[in-house]
C-alpha atoms as a PDB file:
ATOM      1  CA  UNK A   1      -0.003  -0.002  -0.057  1.00  0.00           C
ATOM      2  CA  UNK A   2       1.431   3.407  -1.112  1.00  0.00           C
ATOM      3  CA  UNK A   3       1.290   5.713   1.985  1.00  0.00           C
ATOM      4  CA  UNK A   4       2.164   9.571   1.254  1.00  0.00           C
ATOM      5  CA  UNK A   5       3.320  11.116   4.606  1.00  0.00           C
ATOM      6  CA  UNK A   6       2.677  14.866   3.916  1.00  0.00           C
ATOM      7  CA  UNK A   7       5.270  16.257   6.107  1.00  0.00           C
ATOM      8  CA  UNK A   8       9.163  16.946   5.936  1.00  0.00           C
ATOM      9  CA  UNK A   9      10.183  13.712   7.661  1.00  0.00           C
ATOM     10  CA  UNK A  10      10.961   9.977   7.018  1.00  0.00           C
ATOM     11  CA  UNK A  11       9.018   7.042   8.507  1.00  0.00           C
ATOM     12  CA  UNK A  12       8.941   3.197   8.003  1.00  0.00           C
ATOM     13  CA  UNK A  13       6.209   0.645   8.825  1.00  0.00           C
ATOM     14  CA  UNK A  14       6.236  -3.011   7.939  1.00  0.00           C
ATOM     15  CA  UNK A  15       4.003  -3.738   5.056  1.00  0.00           C
ATOM     16  CA  UNK A  16       3.641  -0.223   4.147  1.00  0.00           C
ATOM     17  CA  UNK A  17       5.327   1.707   1.286  1.00  0.00           C
ATOM     18  CA  UNK A  18       5.693   5.064   2.814  1.00  0.00           C
ATOM     19  CA  UNK A  19       6.989   8.338   0.796  1.00  0.00           C
ATOM     20  CA  UNK A  20       7.260  11.385   2.378  1.00  0.00           C
ATOM     21  CA  UNK A  21       6.753  14.951   0.867  1.00  0.00           C
ATOM     22  CA  UNK A  22       7.279  18.568   2.349  1.00  0.00           C
ATOM     23  CA  UNK A  23       4.059  20.554   2.765  1.00  0.00           C
ATOM     24  CA  UNK A  24       6.101  23.303   0.885  1.00  0.00           C
ATOM     25  CA  UNK A  25       7.067  21.185  -2.004  1.00  0.00           C
ATOM     26  CA  UNK A  26       3.827  21.331  -4.211  1.00  0.00           C
ATOM     27  CA  UNK A  27       5.811  19.875  -7.096  1.00  0.00           C
ATOM     28  CA  UNK A  28       7.032  16.492  -5.516  1.00  0.00           C
ATOM     29  CA  UNK A  29       3.450  16.324  -4.143  1.00  0.00           C
ATOM     30  CA  UNK A  30       2.027  16.569  -7.737  1.00  0.00           C
ATOM     31  CA  UNK A  31       4.524  13.632  -8.685  1.00  0.00           C
ATOM     32  CA  UNK A  32       3.448  11.450  -5.890  1.00  0.00           C
ATOM     33  CA  UNK A  33      -0.271  11.774  -5.949  1.00  0.00           C
ATOM     34  CA  UNK A  34      -1.017   9.394  -8.959  1.00  0.00           C
ATOM     35  CA  UNK A  35       0.296   6.431  -7.121  1.00  0.00           C
ATOM     36  CA  UNK A  36      -0.940   7.214  -3.724  1.00  0.00           C
ATOM     37  CA  UNK A  37      -3.544   5.193  -1.992  1.00  0.00           C
ATOM     38  CA  UNK A  38      -3.602   6.780   1.605  1.00  0.00           C
ATOM     39  CA  UNK A  39      -2.367  10.160   2.559  1.00  0.00           C
ATOM     40  CA  UNK A  40      -1.095  11.032   6.003  1.00  0.00           C
ATOM     41  CA  UNK A  41      -2.216  14.404   6.389  1.00  0.00           C
ATOM     42  CA  UNK A  42      -0.760  17.258   8.922  1.00  0.00           C
ATOM     43  CA  UNK A  43      -1.730  20.535   7.938  1.00  0.00           C
ATOM     44  CA  UNK A  44      -1.145  21.835   4.151  1.00  0.00           C
ATOM     45  CA  UNK A  45      -4.758  22.199   2.976  1.00  0.00           C
ATOM     46  CA  UNK A  46      -5.873  19.207   0.556  1.00  0.00           C
ATOM     47  CA  UNK A  47      -8.352  20.445  -1.902  1.00  0.00           C
ATOM     48  CA  UNK A  48     -10.471  18.675  -4.434  1.00  0.00           C
ATOM     49  CA  UNK A  49      -7.767  19.571  -7.207  1.00  0.00           C
ATOM     50  CA  UNK A  50      -5.255  17.462  -5.204  1.00  0.00           C
ATOM     51  CA  UNK A  51      -7.693  14.598  -4.925  1.00  0.00           C
ATOM     52  CA  UNK A  52      -8.303  14.695  -8.676  1.00  0.00           C
ATOM     53  CA  UNK A  53      -4.457  13.909  -9.172  1.00  0.00           C
ATOM     54  CA  UNK A  54      -4.712  10.871  -6.963  1.00  0.00           C
ATOM     55  CA  UNK A  55      -7.226   8.588  -8.648  1.00  0.00           C
ATOM     56  CA  UNK A  56      -6.004   5.437  -6.398  1.00  0.00           C
ATOM     57  CA  UNK A  57      -6.826   7.694  -3.291  1.00  0.00           C
ATOM     58  CA  UNK A  58      -8.768   5.485  -0.458  1.00  0.00           C
ATOM     59  CA  UNK A  59      -8.071   7.216   2.647  1.00  0.00           C
ATOM     60  CA  UNK A  60      -6.964  10.688   4.271  1.00  0.00           C
ATOM     61  CA  UNK A  61      -5.716  10.037   7.540  1.00  0.00           C
ATOM     62  CA  UNK A  62      -5.299  13.215   9.597  1.00  0.00           C
ATOM     63  CA  UNK A  63      -2.480  13.207  11.978  1.00  0.00           C
ATOM     64  CA  UNK A  64      -4.295  15.048  14.464  1.00  0.00           C
ATOM     65  CA  UNK A  65      -7.648  15.995  15.132  1.00  0.00           C
ATOM     66  CA  UNK A  66      -8.852  19.161  13.356  1.00  0.00           C
ATOM     67  CA  UNK A  67     -10.143  18.298   9.825  1.00  0.00           C
ATOM     68  CA  UNK A  68     -10.910  21.763   8.651  1.00  0.00           C
ATOM     69  CA  UNK A  69      -7.996  21.540   6.256  1.00  0.00           C
ATOM     70  CA  UNK A  70      -9.496  18.677   4.155  1.00  0.00           C
ATOM     71  CA  UNK A  71     -12.168  19.284   1.762  1.00  0.00           C
ATOM     72  CA  UNK A  72     -14.648  16.628   3.153  1.00  0.00           C
ATOM     73  CA  UNK A  73     -17.265  17.261   0.529  1.00  0.00           C
ATOM     74  CA  UNK A  74     -14.889  16.627  -2.146  1.00  0.00           C
ATOM     75  CA  UNK A  75     -13.470  13.423  -0.457  1.00  0.00           C
ATOM     76  CA  UNK A  76     -17.071  12.165  -0.209  1.00  0.00           C
ATOM     77  CA  UNK A  77     -17.954  12.952  -3.683  1.00  0.00           C
ATOM     78  CA  UNK A  78     -14.686  10.935  -4.849  1.00  0.00           C
ATOM     79  CA  UNK A  79     -15.367   7.803  -2.396  1.00  0.00           C
ATOM     80  CA  UNK A  80     -12.136   8.757  -0.087  1.00  0.00           C
ATOM     81  CA  UNK A  81     -12.537   7.925   3.577  1.00  0.00           C
ATOM     82  CA  UNK A  82     -11.393  10.537   6.143  1.00  0.00           C
ATOM     83  CA  UNK A  83     -10.222   9.743   9.641  1.00  0.00           C
ATOM     84  CA  UNK A  84      -8.700  11.433  12.273  1.00  0.00           C
ATOM     85  CA  UNK A  85      -7.204  10.844  15.902  1.00  0.00           C
ATOM     86  CA  UNK A  86      -8.698  12.718  18.537  1.00  0.00           C
ATOM     87  CA  UNK A  87      -6.810  12.803  21.894  1.00  0.00           C
ATOM     88  CA  UNK A  88      -3.405  11.636  20.566  1.00  0.00           C
ATOM     89  CA  UNK A  89      -1.895  15.031  20.639  1.00  0.00           C
ATOM     90  CA  UNK A  90      -3.521  15.981  23.846  1.00  0.00           C
ATOM     91  CA  UNK A  91      -0.895  15.777  26.251  1.00  0.00           C
ATOM     92  CA  UNK A  92       1.444  17.976  24.049  1.00  0.00           C
ATOM     93  CA  UNK A  93      -1.061  20.577  23.363  1.00  0.00           C
ATOM     94  CA  UNK A  94      -2.161  21.024  27.001  1.00  0.00           C
ATOM     95  CA  UNK A  95       1.515  21.276  28.263  1.00  0.00           C
ATOM     96  CA  UNK A  96       1.915  24.033  25.548  1.00  0.00           C
ATOM     97  CA  UNK A  97      -1.129  25.939  26.523  1.00  0.00           C
ATOM     98  CA  UNK A  98       0.250  26.032  30.001  1.00  0.00           C
ATOM     99  CA  UNK A  99       3.633  27.325  28.778  1.00  0.00           C
ATOM    100  CA  UNK A 100       2.167  29.938  26.746  1.00  0.00           C
ATOM    101  CA  UNK A 101       0.129  31.119  29.556  1.00  0.00           C
ATOM    102  CA  UNK A 102       3.144  31.092  31.753  1.00  0.00           C
ATOM    103  CA  UNK A 103       5.212  32.836  29.286  1.00  0.00           C
ATOM    104  CA  UNK A 104       2.767  35.649  28.670  1.00  0.00           C
ATOM    105  CA  UNK A 105       2.279  36.199  32.132  1.00  0.00           C
ATOM    106  CA  UNK A 106       5.919  36.145  33.159  1.00  0.00           C
ATOM    107  CA  UNK A 107       6.729  38.501  30.141  1.00  0.00           C
ATOM    108  CA  UNK A 108       9.180  36.011  28.784  1.00  0.00           C
ATOM    109  CA  UNK A 109       9.317  37.830  25.329  1.00  0.00           C
ATOM    110  CA  UNK A 110      10.283  41.204  26.749  1.00  0.00           C
ATOM    111  CA  UNK A 111      12.728  39.839  28.991  1.00  0.00           C
ATOM    112  CA  UNK A 112      14.455  37.822  26.617  1.00  0.00           C
ATOM    113  CA  UNK A 113      14.880  40.757  24.218  1.00  0.00           C
ATOM    114  CA  UNK A 114      16.135  42.814  27.102  1.00  0.00           C
ATOM    115  CA  UNK A 115      18.692  40.301  28.186  1.00  0.00           C
ATOM    116  CA  UNK A 116      20.017  39.729  24.868  1.00  0.00           C
ATOM    117  CA  UNK A 117      20.684  43.661  24.672  1.00  0.00           C
ATOM    118  CA  UNK A 118      22.303  43.414  27.954  1.00  0.00           C
ATOM    119  CA  UNK A 119      19.645  45.050  29.688  1.00  0.00           C
ATOM    120  CA  UNK A 120      17.948  42.291  31.419  1.00  0.00           C
ATOM    121  CA  UNK A 121      19.541  43.028  34.917  1.00  0.00           C
ATOM    122  CA  UNK A 122      18.366  45.076  37.067  1.00  0.00           C
ATOM    123  CA  UNK A 123      14.952  44.387  35.477  1.00  0.00           C
ATOM    124  CA  UNK A 124      13.243  47.513  37.106  1.00  0.00           C
ATOM    125  CA  UNK A 125       9.587  48.348  37.634  1.00  0.00           C
ATOM    126  CA  UNK A 126       8.511  48.314  33.988  1.00  0.00           C
ATOM    127  CA  UNK A 127       8.493  44.456  33.674  1.00  0.00           C
ATOM    128  CA  UNK A 128       6.881  42.881  36.545  1.00  0.00           C
ATOM    129  CA  UNK A 129       5.094  39.225  35.900  1.00  0.00           C
ATOM    130  CA  UNK A 130       2.395  37.451  37.620  1.00  0.00           C
ATOM    131  CA  UNK A 131       1.780  34.012  39.172  1.00  0.00           C
ATOM    132  CA  UNK A 132      -1.134  31.450  38.073  1.00  0.00           C
ATOM    133  CA  UNK A 133      -1.929  30.676  41.540  1.00  0.00           C
ATOM    134  CA  UNK A 134      -4.815  32.634  42.632  1.00  0.00           C
ATOM    135  CA  UNK A 135      -5.812  33.420  39.274  1.00  0.00           C
ATOM    136  CA  UNK A 136      -9.121  32.287  37.199  1.00  0.00           C
ATOM    137  CA  UNK A 137      -8.459  30.549  33.813  1.00  0.00           C
ATOM    138  CA  UNK A 138     -11.468  30.010  31.559  1.00  0.00           C
ATOM    139  CA  UNK A 139     -11.061  27.194  29.051  1.00  0.00           C
ATOM    140  CA  UNK A 140     -13.213  27.299  25.945  1.00  0.00           C
ATOM    141  CA  UNK A 141     -13.880  23.542  25.306  1.00  0.00           C
ATOM    142  CA  UNK A 142     -14.700  20.512  27.458  1.00  0.00           C
ATOM    143  CA  UNK A 143     -12.653  17.911  25.777  1.00  0.00           C
ATOM    144  CA  UNK A 144      -9.430  15.879  26.688  1.00  0.00           C
ATOM    145  CA  UNK A 145      -7.047  18.645  26.103  1.00  0.00           C
ATOM    146  CA  UNK A 146      -8.993  20.946  28.317  1.00  0.00           C
ATOM    147  CA  UNK A 147      -9.316  18.162  31.281  1.00  0.00           C
ATOM    148  CA  UNK A 148      -5.824  17.676  31.274  1.00  0.00           C
ATOM    149  CA  UNK A 149      -4.883  21.422  31.306  1.00  0.00           C
ATOM    150  CA  UNK A 150      -7.741  21.699  33.897  1.00  0.00           C
ATOM    151  CA  UNK A 151      -5.826  19.297  36.286  1.00  0.00           C
ATOM    152  CA  UNK A 152      -2.285  21.027  35.575  1.00  0.00           C
ATOM    153  CA  UNK A 153      -3.875  24.449  36.372  1.00  0.00           C
ATOM    154  CA  UNK A 154      -5.676  23.384  39.554  1.00  0.00           C
ATOM    155  CA  UNK A 155      -2.586  21.564  40.728  1.00  0.00           C
ATOM    156  CA  UNK A 156      -0.673  25.121  40.632  1.00  0.00           C
ATOM    157  CA  UNK A 157      -3.403  26.831  42.581  1.00  0.00           C
ATOM    158  CA  UNK A 158      -5.528  28.551  39.779  1.00  0.00           C
ATOM    159  CA  UNK A 159      -9.236  28.571  39.801  1.00  0.00           C
ATOM    160  CA  UNK A 160     -10.383  26.866  36.417  1.00  0.00           C
ATOM    161  CA  UNK A 161     -13.731  27.563  34.832  1.00  0.00           C
ATOM    162  CA  UNK A 162     -14.912  26.401  31.569  1.00  0.00           C
ATOM    163  CA  UNK A 163     -17.580  26.256  28.901  1.00  0.00           C
ATOM    164  CA  UNK A 164     -18.602  23.637  26.073  1.00  0.00           C
ATOM    165  CA  UNK A 165     -21.296  23.180  23.514  1.00  0.00           C
ATOM    166  CA  UNK A 166     -23.235  21.037  25.708  1.00  0.00           C
ATOM    167  CA  UNK A 167     -24.123  22.203  29.125  1.00  0.00           C
ATOM    168  CA  UNK A 168     -22.779  20.514  31.960  1.00  0.00           C
ATOM    169  CA  UNK A 169     -24.650  21.398  34.921  1.00  0.00           C
ATOM    170  CA  UNK A 170     -23.435  18.856  37.336  1.00  0.00           C
ATOM    171  CA  UNK A 171     -20.144  20.485  37.299  1.00  0.00           C
ATOM    172  CA  UNK A 172     -19.808  23.531  39.128  1.00  0.00           C
ATOM    173  CA  UNK A 173     -16.880  24.947  37.019  1.00  0.00           C
ATOM    174  CA  UNK A 174     -19.067  24.963  33.972  1.00  0.00           C
ATOM    175  CA  UNK A 175     -20.343  28.645  32.861  1.00  0.00           C
ATOM    176  CA  UNK A 176     -22.097  30.083  29.830  1.00  0.00           C
ATOM    177  CA  UNK A 177     -19.386  31.805  27.491  1.00  0.00           C
ATOM    178  CA  UNK A 178     -20.024  35.424  28.156  1.00  0.00           C
ATOM    179  CA  UNK A 179     -20.119  34.710  31.803  1.00  0.00           C
ATOM    180  CA  UNK A 180     -16.800  32.961  31.739  1.00  0.00           C
ATOM    181  CA  UNK A 181     -15.086  35.657  29.660  1.00  0.00           C
ATOM    182  CA  UNK A 182     -16.164  38.211  32.500  1.00  0.00           C
ATOM    183  CA  UNK A 183     -14.319  36.244  35.288  1.00  0.00           C
ATOM    184  CA  UNK A 184     -11.253  35.073  33.330  1.00  0.00           C
ATOM    185  CA  UNK A 185      -7.920  36.330  34.182  1.00  0.00           C
ATOM    186  CA  UNK A 186      -6.766  34.212  31.318  1.00  0.00           C
ATOM    187  CA  UNK A 187      -8.846  32.270  28.431  1.00  0.00           C
ATOM    188  CA  UNK A 188      -7.341  29.481  26.812  1.00  0.00           C
ATOM    189  CA  UNK A 189      -9.058  28.187  23.601  1.00  0.00           C
ATOM    190  CA  UNK A 190      -9.932  24.396  22.888  1.00  0.00           C
ATOM    191  CA  UNK A 191     -12.477  24.078  20.374  1.00  0.00           C
ATOM    192  CA  UNK A 192     -12.557  23.204  16.677  1.00  0.00           C
ATOM    193  CA  UNK A 193     -13.070  25.742  13.795  1.00  0.00           C
ATOM    194  CA  UNK A 194     -16.422  25.523  12.323  1.00  0.00           C
ATOM    195  CA  UNK A 195     -18.887  27.917  11.147  1.00  0.00           C
ATOM    196  CA  UNK A 196     -20.238  28.577  14.515  1.00  0.00           C
ATOM    197  CA  UNK A 197     -16.975  29.326  16.219  1.00  0.00           C
ATOM    198  CA  UNK A 198     -15.563  31.463  13.474  1.00  0.00           C
ATOM    199  CA  UNK A 199     -14.654  34.770  15.103  1.00  0.00           C
ATOM    200  CA  UNK A 200     -16.080  33.434  18.323  1.00  0.00           C
ATOM    201  CA  UNK A 201     -14.037  35.760  20.276  1.00  0.00           C
ATOM    202  CA  UNK A 202     -14.544  38.967  18.469  1.00  0.00           C
ATOM    203  CA  UNK A 203     -14.247  42.626  19.653  1.00  0.00           C
ATOM    204  CA  UNK A 204     -17.529  42.465  21.783  1.00  0.00           C
ATOM    205  CA  UNK A 205     -16.372  39.298  23.615  1.00  0.00           C
ATOM    206  CA  UNK A 206     -12.731  40.234  24.146  1.00  0.00           C
ATOM    207  CA  UNK A 207     -14.043  43.521  25.747  1.00  0.00           C
ATOM    208  CA  UNK A 208     -15.622  41.265  28.125  1.00  0.00           C
ATOM    209  CA  UNK A 209     -12.491  40.055  29.592  1.00  0.00           C
ATOM    210  CA  UNK A 210     -11.152  41.955  32.693  1.00  0.00           C
ATOM    211  CA  UNK A 211      -8.565  44.395  31.998  1.00  0.00           C
ATOM    212  CA  UNK A 212      -4.949  42.990  31.657  1.00  0.00           C
ATOM    213  CA  UNK A 213      -6.245  39.451  30.790  1.00  0.00           C
ATOM    214  CA  UNK A 214      -4.409  37.003  28.724  1.00  0.00           C
ATOM    215  CA  UNK A 215      -5.717  35.085  25.583  1.00  0.00           C
ATOM    216  CA  UNK A 216      -4.056  31.679  24.674  1.00  0.00           C
ATOM    217  CA  UNK A 217      -4.785  30.011  21.656  1.00  0.00           C
ATOM    218  CA  UNK A 218      -3.490  26.416  20.438  1.00  0.00           C
ATOM    219  CA  UNK A 219      -6.933  25.451  18.611  1.00  0.00           C
ATOM    220  CA  UNK A 220      -7.236  27.219  15.492  1.00  0.00           C
ATOM    221  CA  UNK A 221      -6.302  30.929  14.611  1.00  0.00           C
ATOM    222  CA  UNK A 222      -9.705  31.932  13.033  1.00  0.00           C
ATOM    223  CA  UNK A 223     -11.705  31.333  16.478  1.00  0.00           C
ATOM    224  CA  UNK A 224     -10.398  34.826  17.366  1.00  0.00           C
ATOM    225  CA  UNK A 225     -10.838  37.776  15.362  1.00  0.00           C
ATOM    226  CA  UNK A 226      -6.998  38.697  14.980  1.00  0.00           C
ATOM    227  CA  UNK A 227      -7.925  42.464  14.225  1.00  0.00           C
ATOM    228  CA  UNK A 228      -9.784  42.591  17.081  1.00  0.00           C
ATOM    229  CA  UNK A 229      -7.100  40.933  19.316  1.00  0.00           C
ATOM    230  CA  UNK A 230      -4.555  43.231  17.932  1.00  0.00           C
ATOM    231  CA  UNK A 231      -6.781  46.320  18.923  1.00  0.00           C
ATOM    232  CA  UNK A 232      -7.322  45.041  22.487  1.00  0.00           C
ATOM    233  CA  UNK A 233      -3.642  44.408  23.046  1.00  0.00           C
ATOM    234  CA  UNK A 234      -2.543  47.675  21.676  1.00  0.00           C
ATOM    235  CA  UNK A 235      -5.231  49.421  23.572  1.00  0.00           C
ATOM    236  CA  UNK A 236      -3.841  47.846  26.948  1.00  0.00           C
ATOM    237  CA  UNK A 237      -7.061  46.237  27.578  1.00  0.00           C
ATOM    238  CA  UNK A 238      -5.514  42.884  27.315  1.00  0.00           C
ATOM    239  CA  UNK A 239      -2.275  42.226  28.980  1.00  0.00           C
ATOM    240  CA  UNK A 240      -0.854  39.549  26.589  1.00  0.00           C
ATOM    241  CA  UNK A 241      -1.577  36.744  24.447  1.00  0.00           C
ATOM    242  CA  UNK A 242       0.332  33.209  23.778  1.00  0.00           C
ATOM    243  CA  UNK A 243      -0.555  31.958  20.195  1.00  0.00           C
ATOM    244  CA  UNK A 244       0.493  28.813  18.322  1.00  0.00           C
ATOM    245  CA  UNK A 245      -2.043  29.569  15.595  1.00  0.00           C
ATOM    246  CA  UNK A 246      -3.151  32.131  13.305  1.00  0.00           C
ATOM    247  CA  UNK A 247      -6.117  33.007  10.752  1.00  0.00           C
ATOM    248  CA  UNK A 248      -3.521  32.532   7.873  1.00  0.00           C
ATOM    249  CA  UNK A 249      -0.998  29.909   8.034  1.00  0.00           C
ATOM    250  CA  UNK A 250       2.129  30.120   7.670  1.00  0.00           C
ATOM    251  CA  UNK A 251       1.903  33.378   9.567  1.00  0.00           C
ATOM    252  CA  UNK A 252       2.973  36.191   7.327  1.00  0.00           C
ATOM    253  CA  UNK A 253       5.926  38.150   9.287  1.00  0.00           C
ATOM    254  CA  UNK A 254       4.013  41.450   8.546  1.00  0.00           C
ATOM    255  CA  UNK A 255       1.385  40.188  10.906  1.00  0.00           C
ATOM    256  CA  UNK A 256       0.890  42.916  13.443  1.00  0.00           C
ATOM    257  CA  UNK A 257       0.825  40.638  16.332  1.00  0.00           C
ATOM    258  CA  UNK A 258       4.402  39.524  15.721  1.00  0.00           C
ATOM    259  CA  UNK A 259       5.454  43.192  16.571  1.00  0.00           C
ATOM    260  CA  UNK A 260       3.902  43.390  19.840  1.00  0.00           C
ATOM    261  CA  UNK A 261       6.328  42.668  22.859  1.00  0.00           C
ATOM    262  CA  UNK A 262       3.345  41.221  24.995  1.00  0.00           C
ATOM    263  CA  UNK A 263       2.535  38.275  22.652  1.00  0.00           C
ATOM    264  CA  UNK A 264       4.385  34.675  22.764  1.00  0.00           C
ATOM    265  CA  UNK A 265       4.201  33.174  19.361  1.00  0.00           C
ATOM    266  CA  UNK A 266       4.729  29.783  17.808  1.00  0.00           C
ATOM    267  CA  UNK A 267       4.286  28.255  14.486  1.00  0.00           C
ATOM    268  CA  UNK A 268       1.272  25.624  15.032  1.00  0.00           C
ATOM    269  CA  UNK A 269       3.614  23.111  16.752  1.00  0.00           C
ATOM    270  CA  UNK A 270       1.899  22.855  20.120  1.00  0.00           C
ATOM    271  CA  UNK A 271       1.357  19.148  19.242  1.00  0.00           C
ATOM    272  CA  UNK A 272       4.881  18.648  17.872  1.00  0.00           C
ATOM    273  CA  UNK A 273       6.642  16.264  20.240  1.00  0.00           C
ATOM    274  CA  UNK A 274       8.188  12.890  19.733  1.00  0.00           C
ATOM    275  CA  UNK A 275       5.798  11.220  21.786  1.00  0.00           C
ATOM    276  CA  UNK A 276       2.810  12.565  19.793  1.00  0.00           C
ATOM    277  CA  UNK A 277       4.571  11.338  16.645  1.00  0.00           C
ATOM    278  CA  UNK A 278       4.809   7.712  17.998  1.00  0.00           C
ATOM    279  CA  UNK A 279       1.051   7.884  19.086  1.00  0.00           C
ATOM    280  CA  UNK A 280      -0.108   9.139  15.524  1.00  0.00           C
ATOM    281  CA  UNK A 281       1.990   6.600  13.495  1.00  0.00           C
ATOM    282  CA  UNK A 282       0.383   3.864  15.847  1.00  0.00           C
ATOM    283  CA  UNK A 283      -3.138   5.098  14.699  1.00  0.00           C
ATOM    284  CA  UNK A 284      -2.356   5.772  11.063  1.00  0.00           C
ATOM    285  CA  UNK A 285      -0.516   2.289  10.566  1.00  0.00           C
ATOM    286  CA  UNK A 286      -3.533   0.497  12.179  1.00  0.00           C
ATOM    287  CA  UNK A 287      -6.197   2.456  10.009  1.00  0.00           C
ATOM    288  CA  UNK A 288      -3.790   1.174   6.940  1.00  0.00           C
ATOM    289  CA  UNK A 289      -4.115  -2.343   8.004  1.00  0.00           C
ATOM    290  CA  UNK A 290      -7.904  -1.896   8.582  1.00  0.00           C
ATOM    291  CA  UNK A 291      -8.386  -0.572   5.131  1.00  0.00           C
ATOM    292  CA  UNK A 292      -6.622  -3.285   3.452  1.00  0.00           C
ATOM    293  CA  UNK A 293      -8.779  -5.889   5.505  1.00  0.00           C
ATOM    294  CA  UNK A 294     -11.753  -4.021   4.640  1.00  0.00           C
ATOM    295  CA  UNK A 295     -12.414  -3.278   8.358  1.00  0.00           C
ATOM    296  CA  UNK A 296     -13.971  -0.375   9.945  1.00  0.00           C
ATOM    297  CA  UNK A 297     -11.467   2.397  10.415  1.00  0.00           C
ATOM    298  CA  UNK A 298     -10.679   3.878  13.706  1.00  0.00           C
ATOM    299  CA  UNK A 299     -12.100   7.562  14.364  1.00  0.00           C
ATOM    300  CA  UNK A 300     -13.693   7.846  10.698  1.00  0.00           C
ATOM    301  CA  UNK A 301     -14.729  11.224  10.197  1.00  0.00           C
ATOM    302  CA  UNK A 302     -16.389  10.833   6.571  1.00  0.00           C
END
């Protein structure tokens, strides 16, 4: 079975013919698609045109959870199955969310810049960080990532509240979204990007956050209206942001968020650990074996 690993790395599995292709190399992708039966997909969007170049394609296996980068309707029209693997990156993303919250709270970016300029000590009164203990952290989402992060935050001493699509009135930490925003010193995003969640955190909702609040996003960039986020950060209403995702990726070097000293950024790599890759490949290889046998796939989306 010919498998295309659409990422710049090599991997082998017994019984599978795996070839790799960088997400930035569209020329090589075009050469490989005609013989591809399975695509192991990461982030570069897969379009109907891509699928048309792959007449043997039977499965698009998302290495991760979010399938917004796959044209699901096109896949269905061509009889291509789509599967994902929820939860396999949860530990890595939860830890990164905590990292970004702490980095924004402790002013890591400006401290790093000052230290590199030889101005790191004495720090003076202009750069004073804060502690998570005693603060309220609001989680947008009630899935596995949010659950893991909740345990980490509560162990530190933070008060955690959360919201989710379905109310959980049996959990006293559950709140309606707007109520959650009003009490959250830090808000962390852990929901998929859908028509309903696009720009969920717009100017009006960001204004609900307490003055000096911090926004963390390791989910999908377009859940937050970036223009509104920039305005809230520049005005001083928000104290900082920790962002692993952006509305347009790869992020443009001219994006105004990158020029702000109170913003910590990463290039959509919250999931990227050796342990996550091990879990990804285990599920991906198993689904290839199931596909060959004609068995039901794990975590089939379409």
